[in-house]
Amino acid sequence: SVNSLAERASNSAQDAIKSTQGAVNDALDSLSGSVQGIRDEAKPVI
């Protein structure tokens, strides 16, 4: 029972880490796209 609970907790933690990594990657992709968009808009002005 303890091993099963520990394994489920470990799996849950790994799922949470993967979910957090996915969210961070999505946020970084969005930020990168925003920066590129701003750079593209600023180039003609510069």
All heavy atoms as atom14 arrays in JSON, in Angstrom:
{
  "sequence": "SVNSLAERASNSAQDAIKSTQGAVNDALDSLSGSVQGIRDEAKPVI",
  "atom14_mask": [
    [1, 1, 1, 1, 1, 1, 0, 0, 0, 0, 0, 0, 0, 0],
    [1, 1, 1, 1, 1, 1, 1, 0, 0, 0, 0, 0, 0, 0],
    [1, 1, 1, 1, 1, 1, 1, 1, 0, 0, 0, 0, 0, 0],
    [1, 1, 1, 1, 1, 1, 0, 0, 0, 0, 0, 0, 0, 0],
    [1, 1, 1, 1, 1, 1, 1, 1, 0, 0, 0, 0, 0, 0],
    [1, 1, 1, 1, 1, 0, 0, 0, 0, 0, 0, 0, 0, 0],
    [1, 1, 1, 1, 1, 1, 1, 1, 1, 0, 0, 0, 0, 0],
    [1, 1, 1, 1, 1, 1, 1, 1, 1, 1, 1, 0, 0, 0],
    [1, 1, 1, 1, 1, 0, 0, 0, 0, 0, 0, 0, 0, 0],
    [1, 1, 1, 1, 1, 1, 0, 0, 0, 0, 0, 0, 0, 0],
    [1, 1, 1, 1, 1, 1, 1, 1, 0, 0, 0, 0, 0, 0],
    [1, 1, 1, 1, 1, 1, 0, 0, 0, 0, 0, 0, 0, 0],
    [1, 1, 1, 1, 1, 0, 0, 0, 0, 0, 0, 0, 0, 0],
    [1, 1, 1, 1, 1, 1, 1, 1, 1, 0, 0, 0, 0, 0],
    [1, 1, 1, 1, 1, 1, 1, 1, 0, 0, 0, 0, 0, 0],
    [1, 1, 1, 1, 1, 0, 0, 0, 0, 0, 0, 0, 0, 0],
    [1, 1, 1, 1, 1, 1, 1, 1, 0, 0, 0, 0, 0, 0],
    [1, 1, 1, 1, 1, 1, 1, 1, 1, 0, 0, 0, 0, 0],
    [1, 1, 1, 1, 1, 1, 0, 0, 0, 0, 0, 0, 0, 0],
    [1, 1, 1, 1, 1, 1, 1, 0, 0, 0, 0, 0, 0, 0],
    [1, 1, 1, 1, 1, 1, 1, 1, 1, 0, 0, 0, 0, 0],
    [1, 1, 1, 1, 0, 0, 0, 0, 0, 0, 0, 0, 0, 0],
    [1, 1, 1, 1, 1, 0, 0, 0, 0, 0, 0, 0, 0, 0],
    [1, 1, 1, 1, 1, 1, 1, 0, 0, 0, 0, 0, 0, 0],
    [1, 1, 1, 1, 1, 1, 1, 1, 0, 0, 0, 0, 0, 0],
    [1, 1, 1, 1, 1, 1, 1, 1, 0, 0, 0, 0, 0, 0],
    [1, 1, 1, 1, 1, 0, 0, 0, 0, 0, 0, 0, 0, 0],
    [1, 1, 1, 1, 1, 1, 1, 1, 0, 0, 0, 0, 0, 0],
    [1, 1, 1, 1, 1, 1, 1, 1, 0, 0, 0, 0, 0, 0],
    [1, 1, 1, 1, 1, 1, 0, 0, 0, 0, 0, 0, 0, 0],
    [1, 1, 1, 1, 1, 1, 1, 1, 0, 0, 0, 0, 0, 0],
    [1, 1, 1, 1, 1, 1, 0, 0, 0, 0, 0, 0, 0, 0],
    [1, 1, 1, 1, 0, 0, 0, 0, 0, 0, 0, 0, 0, 0],
    [1, 1, 1, 1, 1, 1, 0, 0, 0, 0, 0, 0, 0, 0],
    [1, 1, 1, 1, 1, 1, 1, 0, 0, 0, 0, 0, 0, 0],
    [1, 1, 1, 1, 1, 1, 1, 1, 1, 0, 0, 0, 0, 0],
    [1, 1, 1, 1, 0, 0, 0, 0, 0, 0, 0, 0, 0, 0],
    [1, 1, 1, 1, 1, 1, 1, 1, 0, 0, 0, 0, 0, 0],
    [1, 1, 1, 1, 1, 1, 1, 1, 1, 1, 1, 0, 0, 0],
    [1, 1, 1, 1, 1, 1, 1, 1, 0, 0, 0, 0, 0, 0],
    [1, 1, 1, 1, 1, 1, 1, 1, 1, 0, 0, 0, 0, 0],
    [1, 1, 1, 1, 1, 0, 0, 0, 0, 0, 0, 0, 0, 0],
    [1, 1, 1, 1, 1, 1, 1, 1, 1, 0, 0, 0, 0, 0],
    [1, 1, 1, 1, 1, 1, 1, 0, 0, 0, 0, 0, 0, 0],
    [1, 1, 1, 1, 1, 1, 1, 0, 0, 0, 0, 0, 0, 0],
    [1, 1, 1, 1, 1, 1, 1, 1, 0, 0, 0, 0, 0, 0]
  ],
  "atom14_positions": [
    [[0.83, -1.2, 0.0], [0.0, 0.0, 0.0], [0.86, 1.25, 0.0], [0.61, 2.21, -0.73], [-0.83, 0.01, 1.26], [-2.14, 0.05, 1.09], [0.0, 0.0, 0.0], [0.0, 0.0, 0.0], [0.0, 0.0, 0.0], [0.0, 0.0, 0.0], [0.0, 0.0, 0.0], [0.0, 0.0, 0.0], [0.0, 0.0, 0.0], [0.0, 0.0, 0.0]],
    [[1.88, 1.24, 0.83], [2.78, 2.4, 0.92], [3.53, 2.55, -0.4], [3.66, 3.66, -0.93], [3.76, 2.24, 2.1], [4.86, 3.27, 2.06], [3.01, 2.31, 3.41], [0.0, 0.0, 0.0], [0.0, 0.0, 0.0], [0.0, 0.0, 0.0], [0.0, 0.0, 0.0], [0.0, 0.0, 0.0], [0.0, 0.0, 0.0], [0.0, 0.0, 0.0]],
    [[4.0, 1.43, -0.96], [4.71, 1.5, -2.24], [3.79, 1.99, -3.34], [4.19, 2.78, -4.2], [5.27, 0.12, -2.61], [6.48, -0.26, -1.79], [7.14, 0.61, -1.24], [6.76, -1.55, -1.68], [0.0, 0.0, 0.0], [0.0, 0.0, 0.0], [0.0, 0.0, 0.0], [0.0, 0.0, 0.0], [0.0, 0.0, 0.0], [0.0, 0.0, 0.0]],
    [[2.54, 1.52, -3.31], [1.57, 1.94, -4.3], [1.28, 3.44, -4.16], [1.21, 4.17, -5.16], [0.29, 1.13, -4.13], [-0.7, 1.59, -5.01], [0.0, 0.0, 0.0], [0.0, 0.0, 0.0], [0.0, 0.0, 0.0], [0.0, 0.0, 0.0], [0.0, 0.0, 0.0], [0.0, 0.0, 0.0], [0.0, 0.0, 0.0], [0.0, 0.0, 0.0]],
    [[1.13, 3.89, -2.94], [0.89, 5.32, -2.7], [2.11, 6.15, -3.14], [1.97, 7.2, -3.77], [0.6, 5.58, -1.23], [-0.81, 5.29, -0.75], [-0.9, 5.45, 0.77], [-1.8, 6.2, -1.43], [0.0, 0.0, 0.0], [0.0, 0.0, 0.0], [0.0, 0.0, 0.0], [0.0, 0.0, 0.0], [0.0, 0.0, 0.0], [0.0, 0.0, 0.0]],
    [[3.3, 5.68, -2.84], [4.52, 6.39, -3.21], [4.66, 6.43, -4.72], [5.04, 7.46, -5.3], [5.74, 5.72, -2.58], [0.0, 0.0, 0.0], [0.0, 0.0, 0.0], [0.0, 0.0, 0.0], [0.0, 0.0, 0.0], [0.0, 0.0, 0.0], [0.0, 0.0, 0.0], [0.0, 0.0, 0.0], [0.0, 0.0, 0.0], [0.0, 0.0, 0.0]],
    [[4.3, 5.32, -5.38], [4.39, 5.28, -6.84], [3.38, 6.23, -7.46], [3.69, 6.95, -8.4], [4.16, 3.85, -7.34], [4.48, 3.69, -8.81], [4.39, 2.23, -9.25], [4.8, 1.34, -8.48], [3.9, 2.02, -10.37], [0.0, 0.0, 0.0], [0.0, 0.0, 0.0], [0.0, 0.0, 0.0], [0.0, 0.0, 0.0], [0.0, 0.0, 0.0]],
    [[2.17, 6.25, -6.92], [1.15, 7.18, -7.44], [1.57, 8.64, -7.19], [1.39, 9.49, -8.05], [-0.2, 6.89, -6.8], [-0.9, 5.76, -7.49], [-2.32, 5.63, -7.03], [-2.32, 4.74, -5.88], [-3.23, 4.7, -4.93], [-4.26, 5.52, -5.0], [-3.15, 3.88, -3.93], [0.0, 0.0, 0.0], [0.0, 0.0, 0.0], [0.0, 0.0, 0.0]],
    [[2.14, 8.9, -6.04], [2.61, 10.25, -5.73], [3.73, 10.64, -6.68], [3.79, 11.78, -7.18], [3.06, 10.36, -4.29], [0.0, 0.0, 0.0], [0.0, 0.0, 0.0], [0.0, 0.0, 0.0], [0.0, 0.0, 0.0], [0.0, 0.0, 0.0], [0.0, 0.0, 0.0], [0.0, 0.0, 0.0], [0.0, 0.0, 0.0], [0.0, 0.0, 0.0]],
    [[4.63, 9.69, -6.93], [5.74, 9.96, -7.86], [5.2, 10.22, -9.27], [5.65, 11.15, -9.95], [6.7, 8.78, -7.85], [7.68, 8.93, -8.84], [0.0, 0.0, 0.0], [0.0, 0.0, 0.0], [0.0, 0.0, 0.0], [0.0, 0.0, 0.0], [0.0, 0.0, 0.0], [0.0, 0.0, 0.0], [0.0, 0.0, 0.0], [0.0, 0.0, 0.0]],
    [[4.24, 9.41, -9.69], [3.64, 9.61, -11.02], [2.93, 10.95, -11.1], [3.01, 11.65, -12.11], [2.68, 8.46, -11.34], [3.39, 7.15, -11.63], [4.58, 7.16, -11.95], [2.68, 6.04, -11.52], [0.0, 0.0, 0.0], [0.0, 0.0, 0.0], [0.0, 0.0, 0.0], [0.0, 0.0, 0.0], [0.0, 0.0, 0.0], [0.0, 0.0, 0.0]],
    [[2.22, 11.3, -10.04], [1.53, 12.59, -10.01], [2.53, 13.75, -10.09], [2.31, 14.74, -10.78], [0.69, 12.73, -8.74], [-0.4, 11.86, -8.77], [0.0, 0.0, 0.0], [0.0, 0.0, 0.0], [0.0, 0.0, 0.0], [0.0, 0.0, 0.0], [0.0, 0.0, 0.0], [0.0, 0.0, 0.0], [0.0, 0.0, 0.0], [0.0, 0.0, 0.0]],
    [[3.64, 13.62, -9.36], [4.67, 14.66, -9.38], [5.28, 14.77, -10.77], [5.5, 15.88, -11.28], [5.74, 14.37, -8.34], [0.0, 0.0, 0.0], [0.0, 0.0, 0.0], [0.0, 0.0, 0.0], [0.0, 0.0, 0.0], [0.0, 0.0, 0.0], [0.0, 0.0, 0.0], [0.0, 0.0, 0.0], [0.0, 0.0, 0.0], [0.0, 0.0, 0.0]],
    [[5.54, 13.61, -11.4], [6.1, 13.64, -12.75], [5.11, 14.25, -13.73], [5.49, 15.05, -14.61], [6.49, 12.22, -13.2], [7.73, 11.7, -12.51], [8.04, 10.26, -12.92], [7.27, 9.62, -13.62], [9.19, 9.77, -12.46], [0.0, 0.0, 0.0], [0.0, 0.0, 0.0], [0.0, 0.0, 0.0], [0.0, 0.0, 0.0], [0.0, 0.0, 0.0]],
    [[3.82, 13.94, -13.59], [2.8, 14.53, -14.45], [2.73, 16.05, -14.24], [2.6, 16.82, -15.19], [1.43, 13.9, -14.17], [1.33, 12.45, -14.66], [2.2, 12.06, -15.47], [0.39, 11.75, -14.23], [0.0, 0.0, 0.0], [0.0, 0.0, 0.0], [0.0, 0.0, 0.0], [0.0, 0.0, 0.0], [0.0, 0.0, 0.0], [0.0, 0.0, 0.0]],
    [[2.84, 16.48, -12.98], [2.81, 17.91, -12.68], [4.03, 18.61, -13.28], [3.92, 19.71, -13.83], [2.76, 18.13, -11.17], [0.0, 0.0, 0.0], [0.0, 0.0, 0.0], [0.0, 0.0, 0.0], [0.0, 0.0, 0.0], [0.0, 0.0, 0.0], [0.0, 0.0, 0.0], [0.0, 0.0, 0.0], [0.0, 0.0, 0.0], [0.0, 0.0, 0.0]],
    [[5.18, 17.96, -13.19], [6.4, 18.55, -13.76], [6.26, 18.66, -15.27], [6.58, 19.7, -15.86], [7.65, 17.71, -13.37], [7.94, 17.89, -11.88], [8.85, 18.09, -14.2], [9.01, 16.94, -11.33], [0.0, 0.0, 0.0], [0.0, 0.0, 0.0], [0.0, 0.0, 0.0], [0.0, 0.0, 0.0], [0.0, 0.0, 0.0], [0.0, 0.0, 0.0]],
    [[5.78, 17.59, -15.92], [5.59, 17.64, -17.38], [4.58, 18.71, -17.77], [4.77, 19.43, -18.75], [5.14, 16.27, -17.89], [6.23, 15.23, -17.89], [5.72, 13.88, -18.38], [6.82, 12.84, -18.29], [6.35, 11.51, -18.66], [0.0, 0.0, 0.0], [0.0, 0.0, 0.0], [0.0, 0.0, 0.0], [0.0, 0.0, 0.0], [0.0, 0.0, 0.0]],
    [[3.51, 18.82, -17.0], [2.49, 19.83, -17.29], [3.07, 21.24, -17.13], [2.84, 22.13, -17.96], [1.31, 19.64, -16.34], [0.37, 20.65, -16.51], [0.0, 0.0, 0.0], [0.0, 0.0, 0.0], [0.0, 0.0, 0.0], [0.0, 0.0, 0.0], [0.0, 0.0, 0.0], [0.0, 0.0, 0.0], [0.0, 0.0, 0.0], [0.0, 0.0, 0.0]],
    [[3.86, 21.43, -16.08], [4.49, 22.73, -15.85], [5.5, 23.05, -16.96], [5.54, 24.19, -17.46], [5.19, 22.75, -14.48], [4.24, 22.45, -13.47], [5.82, 24.08, -14.2], [0.0, 0.0, 0.0], [0.0, 0.0, 0.0], [0.0, 0.0, 0.0], [0.0, 0.0, 0.0], [0.0, 0.0, 0.0], [0.0, 0.0, 0.0], [0.0, 0.0, 0.0]],
    [[6.27, 22.05, -17.35], [7.22, 22.27, -18.45], [6.49, 22.64, -19.73], [6.93, 23.53, -20.46], [8.07, 21.01, -18.67], [9.14, 20.79, -17.62], [9.88, 19.48, -17.82], [9.38, 18.56, -18.47], [11.06, 19.38, -17.23], [0.0, 0.0, 0.0], [0.0, 0.0, 0.0], [0.0, 0.0, 0.0], [0.0, 0.0, 0.0], [0.0, 0.0, 0.0]],
    [[5.38, 21.96, -20.0], [4.6, 22.29, -21.19], [4.07, 23.72, -21.13], [4.11, 24.44, -22.12], [0.0, 0.0, 0.0], [0.0, 0.0, 0.0], [0.0, 0.0, 0.0], [0.0, 0.0, 0.0], [0.0, 0.0, 0.0], [0.0, 0.0, 0.0], [0.0, 0.0, 0.0], [0.0, 0.0, 0.0], [0.0, 0.0, 0.0], [0.0, 0.0, 0.0]],
    [[3.58, 24.12, -19.95], [3.05, 25.48, -19.8], [4.16, 26.51, -19.98], [3.97, 27.55, -20.63], [2.39, 25.64, -18.43], [0.0, 0.0, 0.0], [0.0, 0.0, 0.0], [0.0, 0.0, 0.0], [0.0, 0.0, 0.0], [0.0, 0.0, 0.0], [0.0, 0.0, 0.0], [0.0, 0.0, 0.0], [0.0, 0.0, 0.0], [0.0, 0.0, 0.0]],
    [[5.33, 26.23, -19.41], [6.47, 27.15, -19.55], [6.9, 27.24, -21.0], [7.16, 28.33, -21.53], [7.64, 26.71, -18.63], [8.92, 27.45, -18.98], [7.29, 26.92, -17.17], [0.0, 0.0, 0.0], [0.0, 0.0, 0.0], [0.0, 0.0, 0.0], [0.0, 0.0, 0.0], [0.0, 0.0, 0.0], [0.0, 0.0, 0.0], [0.0, 0.0, 0.0]],
    [[6.98, 26.1, -21.68], [7.36, 26.1, -23.1], [6.35, 26.88, -23.93], [6.74, 27.65, -24.82], [7.49, 24.67, -23.62], [8.74, 23.97, -23.13], [9.7, 24.63, -22.75], [8.72, 22.65, -23.12], [0.0, 0.0, 0.0], [0.0, 0.0, 0.0], [0.0, 0.0, 0.0], [0.0, 0.0, 0.0], [0.0, 0.0, 0.0], [0.0, 0.0, 0.0]],
    [[5.05, 26.72, -23.64], [4.02, 27.47, -24.38], [4.17, 28.97, -24.12], [4.07, 29.78, -25.04], [2.63, 27.0, -23.96], [2.3, 25.6, -24.46], [3.02, 25.11, -25.36], [1.32, 25.01, -23.95], [0.0, 0.0, 0.0], [0.0, 0.0, 0.0], [0.0, 0.0, 0.0], [0.0, 0.0, 0.0], [0.0, 0.0, 0.0], [0.0, 0.0, 0.0]],
    [[4.44, 29.32, -22.85], [4.61, 30.74, -22.52], [5.84, 31.32, -23.21], [5.8, 32.45, -23.73], [4.73, 30.92, -21.0], [0.0, 0.0, 0.0], [0.0, 0.0, 0.0], [0.0, 0.0, 0.0], [0.0, 0.0, 0.0], [0.0, 0.0, 0.0], [0.0, 0.0, 0.0], [0.0, 0.0, 0.0], [0.0, 0.0, 0.0], [0.0, 0.0, 0.0]],
    [[6.94, 30.56, -23.24], [8.15, 31.04, -23.92], [7.93, 31.17, -25.42], [8.4, 32.13, -26.04], [9.33, 30.1, -23.63], [9.9, 30.17, -22.22], [10.97, 29.1, -22.02], [10.45, 31.54, -21.91], [0.0, 0.0, 0.0], [0.0, 0.0, 0.0], [0.0, 0.0, 0.0], [0.0, 0.0, 0.0], [0.0, 0.0, 0.0], [0.0, 0.0, 0.0]],
    [[7.21, 30.21, -26.02], [6.89, 30.31, -27.45], [6.07, 31.55, -27.73], [6.3, 32.27, -28.7], [6.16, 29.05, -27.92], [7.05, 27.83, -27.99], [8.29, 28.0, -27.97], [6.5, 26.7, -28.07], [0.0, 0.0, 0.0], [0.0, 0.0, 0.0], [0.0, 0.0, 0.0], [0.0, 0.0, 0.0], [0.0, 0.0, 0.0], [0.0, 0.0, 0.0]],
    [[5.08, 31.8, -26.87], [4.24, 32.98, -27.04], [5.05, 34.26, -26.9], [4.91, 35.2, -27.68], [3.11, 32.95, -26.01], [2.34, 34.12, -26.08], [0.0, 0.0, 0.0], [0.0, 0.0, 0.0], [0.0, 0.0, 0.0], [0.0, 0.0, 0.0], [0.0, 0.0, 0.0], [0.0, 0.0, 0.0], [0.0, 0.0, 0.0], [0.0, 0.0, 0.0]],
    [[5.93, 34.28, -25.89], [6.78, 35.46, -25.68], [7.71, 35.66, -26.86], [7.9, 36.79, -27.32], [7.58, 35.29, -24.38], [8.52, 36.42, -24.01], [7.74, 37.71, -23.81], [9.3, 36.07, -22.76], [0.0, 0.0, 0.0], [0.0, 0.0, 0.0], [0.0, 0.0, 0.0], [0.0, 0.0, 0.0], [0.0, 0.0, 0.0], [0.0, 0.0, 0.0]],
    [[8.29, 34.59, -27.36], [9.18, 34.68, -28.51], [8.45, 35.23, -29.72], [8.96, 36.09, -30.45], [9.77, 33.3, -28.82], [10.55, 33.34, -29.98], [0.0, 0.0, 0.0], [0.0, 0.0, 0.0], [0.0, 0.0, 0.0], [0.0, 0.0, 0.0], [0.0, 0.0, 0.0], [0.0, 0.0, 0.0], [0.0, 0.0, 0.0], [0.0, 0.0, 0.0]],
    [[7.22, 34.75, -29.93], [6.42, 35.27, -31.04], [6.1, 36.74, -30.87], [6.14, 37.51, -31.83], [0.0, 0.0, 0.0], [0.0, 0.0, 0.0], [0.0, 0.0, 0.0], [0.0, 0.0, 0.0], [0.0, 0.0, 0.0], [0.0, 0.0, 0.0], [0.0, 0.0, 0.0], [0.0, 0.0, 0.0], [0.0, 0.0, 0.0], [0.0, 0.0, 0.0]],
    [[5.81, 37.16, -29.63], [5.52, 38.57, -29.37], [6.73, 39.44, -29.63], [6.64, 40.51, -30.23], [5.06, 38.75, -27.92], [3.85, 38.08, -27.69], [0.0, 0.0, 0.0], [0.0, 0.0, 0.0], [0.0, 0.0, 0.0], [0.0, 0.0, 0.0], [0.0, 0.0, 0.0], [0.0, 0.0, 0.0], [0.0, 0.0, 0.0], [0.0, 0.0, 0.0]],
    [[7.9, 38.98, -29.17], [9.14, 39.75, -29.39], [9.42, 39.87, -30.88], [9.77, 40.94, -31.37], [10.32, 39.08, -28.64], [11.64, 39.66, -29.09], [10.15, 39.23, -27.14], [0.0, 0.0, 0.0], [0.0, 0.0, 0.0], [0.0, 0.0, 0.0], [0.0, 0.0, 0.0], [0.0, 0.0, 0.0], [0.0, 0.0, 0.0], [0.0, 0.0, 0.0]],
    [[9.24, 38.77, -31.61], [9.48, 38.81, -33.06], [8.49, 39.76, -33.73], [8.86, 40.53, -34.62], [9.36, 37.4, -33.66], [9.72, 37.34, -35.13], [11.16, 37.78, -35.41], [12.06, 37.42, -34.68], [11.36, 38.54, -36.45], [0.0, 0.0, 0.0], [0.0, 0.0, 0.0], [0.0, 0.0, 0.0], [0.0, 0.0, 0.0], [0.0, 0.0, 0.0]],
    [[7.24, 39.74, -33.27], [6.24, 40.65, -33.83], [6.6, 42.11, -33.58], [6.48, 42.96, -34.47], [0.0, 0.0, 0.0], [0.0, 0.0, 0.0], [0.0, 0.0, 0.0], [0.0, 0.0, 0.0], [0.0, 0.0, 0.0], [0.0, 0.0, 0.0], [0.0, 0.0, 0.0], [0.0, 0.0, 0.0], [0.0, 0.0, 0.0], [0.0, 0.0, 0.0]],
    [[7.04, 42.4, -32.36], [7.45, 43.78, -32.03], [8.65, 44.18, -32.87], [8.72, 45.3, -33.38], [7.76, 43.88, -30.52], [6.46, 43.77, -29.72], [8.46, 45.19, -30.2], [6.67, 43.63, -28.23], [0.0, 0.0, 0.0], [0.0, 0.0, 0.0], [0.0, 0.0, 0.0], [0.0, 0.0, 0.0], [0.0, 0.0, 0.0], [0.0, 0.0, 0.0]],
    [[9.61, 43.26, -33.02], [10.79, 43.55, -33.84], [10.39, 43.84, -35.28], [10.89, 44.76, -35.91], [11.76, 42.37, -33.78], [13.05, 42.63, -34.51], [13.99, 41.43, -34.44], [14.42, 41.24, -33.07], [14.71, 40.07, -32.53], [14.6, 38.96, -33.23], [15.1, 39.98, -31.28], [0.0, 0.0, 0.0], [0.0, 0.0, 0.0], [0.0, 0.0, 0.0]],
    [[9.45, 43.04, -35.81], [9.0, 43.24, -37.19], [8.29, 44.58, -37.34], [8.42, 45.25, -38.37], [8.07, 42.1, -37.62], [8.8, 40.76, -37.76], [10.06, 40.77, -37.83], [8.12, 39.72, -37.78], [0.0, 0.0, 0.0], [0.0, 0.0, 0.0], [0.0, 0.0, 0.0], [0.0, 0.0, 0.0], [0.0, 0.0, 0.0], [0.0, 0.0, 0.0]],
    [[7.52, 44.97, -36.31], [6.81, 46.26, -36.38], [7.77, 47.43, -36.22], [7.57, 48.49, -36.81], [5.75, 46.32, -35.28], [4.56, 45.43, -35.53], [3.56, 45.46, -34.4], [3.59, 46.43, -33.6], [2.74, 44.53, -34.32], [0.0, 0.0, 0.0], [0.0, 0.0, 0.0], [0.0, 0.0, 0.0], [0.0, 0.0, 0.0], [0.0, 0.0, 0.0]],
    [[8.81, 47.26, -35.42], [9.73, 48.36, -35.14], [10.71, 48.6, -36.28], [11.19, 49.73, -36.46], [10.51, 48.08, -33.85], [0.0, 0.0, 0.0], [0.0, 0.0, 0.0], [0.0, 0.0, 0.0], [0.0, 0.0, 0.0], [0.0, 0.0, 0.0], [0.0, 0.0, 0.0], [0.0, 0.0, 0.0], [0.0, 0.0, 0.0], [0.0, 0.0, 0.0]],
    [[11.03, 47.59, -37.06], [12.03, 47.73, -38.12], [11.72, 48.85, -39.1], [12.58, 49.68, -39.38], [12.23, 46.41, -38.84], [13.35, 46.48, -39.87], [13.66, 45.13, -40.43], [14.74, 45.09, -41.45], [15.43, 46.27, -41.83], [0.0, 0.0, 0.0], [0.0, 0.0, 0.0], [0.0, 0.0, 0.0], [0.0, 0.0, 0.0], [0.0, 0.0, 0.0]],
    [[10.48, 48.94, -39.64], [10.21, 50.06, -40.57], [10.35, 51.43, -39.9], [10.82, 52.38, -40.52], [8.76, 49.82, -41.02], [8.45, 48.4, -40.69], [9.35, 48.02, -39.55], [0.0, 0.0, 0.0], [0.0, 0.0, 0.0], [0.0, 0.0, 0.0], [0.0, 0.0, 0.0], [0.0, 0.0, 0.0], [0.0, 0.0, 0.0], [0.0, 0.0, 0.0]],
    [[9.96, 51.52, -38.63], [10.07, 52.8, -37.92], [11.55, 53.17, -37.75], [11.95, 54.31, -37.99], [9.36, 52.71, -36.55], [9.6, 53.97, -35.74], [7.87, 52.47, -36.74], [0.0, 0.0, 0.0], [0.0, 0.0, 0.0], [0.0, 0.0, 0.0], [0.0, 0.0, 0.0], [0.0, 0.0, 0.0], [0.0, 0.0, 0.0], [0.0, 0.0, 0.0]],
    [[12.35, 52.2, -37.35], [13.79, 52.46, -37.17], [14.44, 52.82, -38.5], [15.25, 53.74, -38.57], [14.46, 51.22, -36.53], [13.98, 51.08, -35.09], [15.97, 51.34, -36.58], [14.39, 49.77, -34.43], [0.0, 0.0, 0.0], [0.0, 0.0, 0.0], [0.0, 0.0, 0.0], [0.0, 0.0, 0.0], [0.0, 0.0, 0.0], [0.0, 0.0, 0.0]]
  ]
}
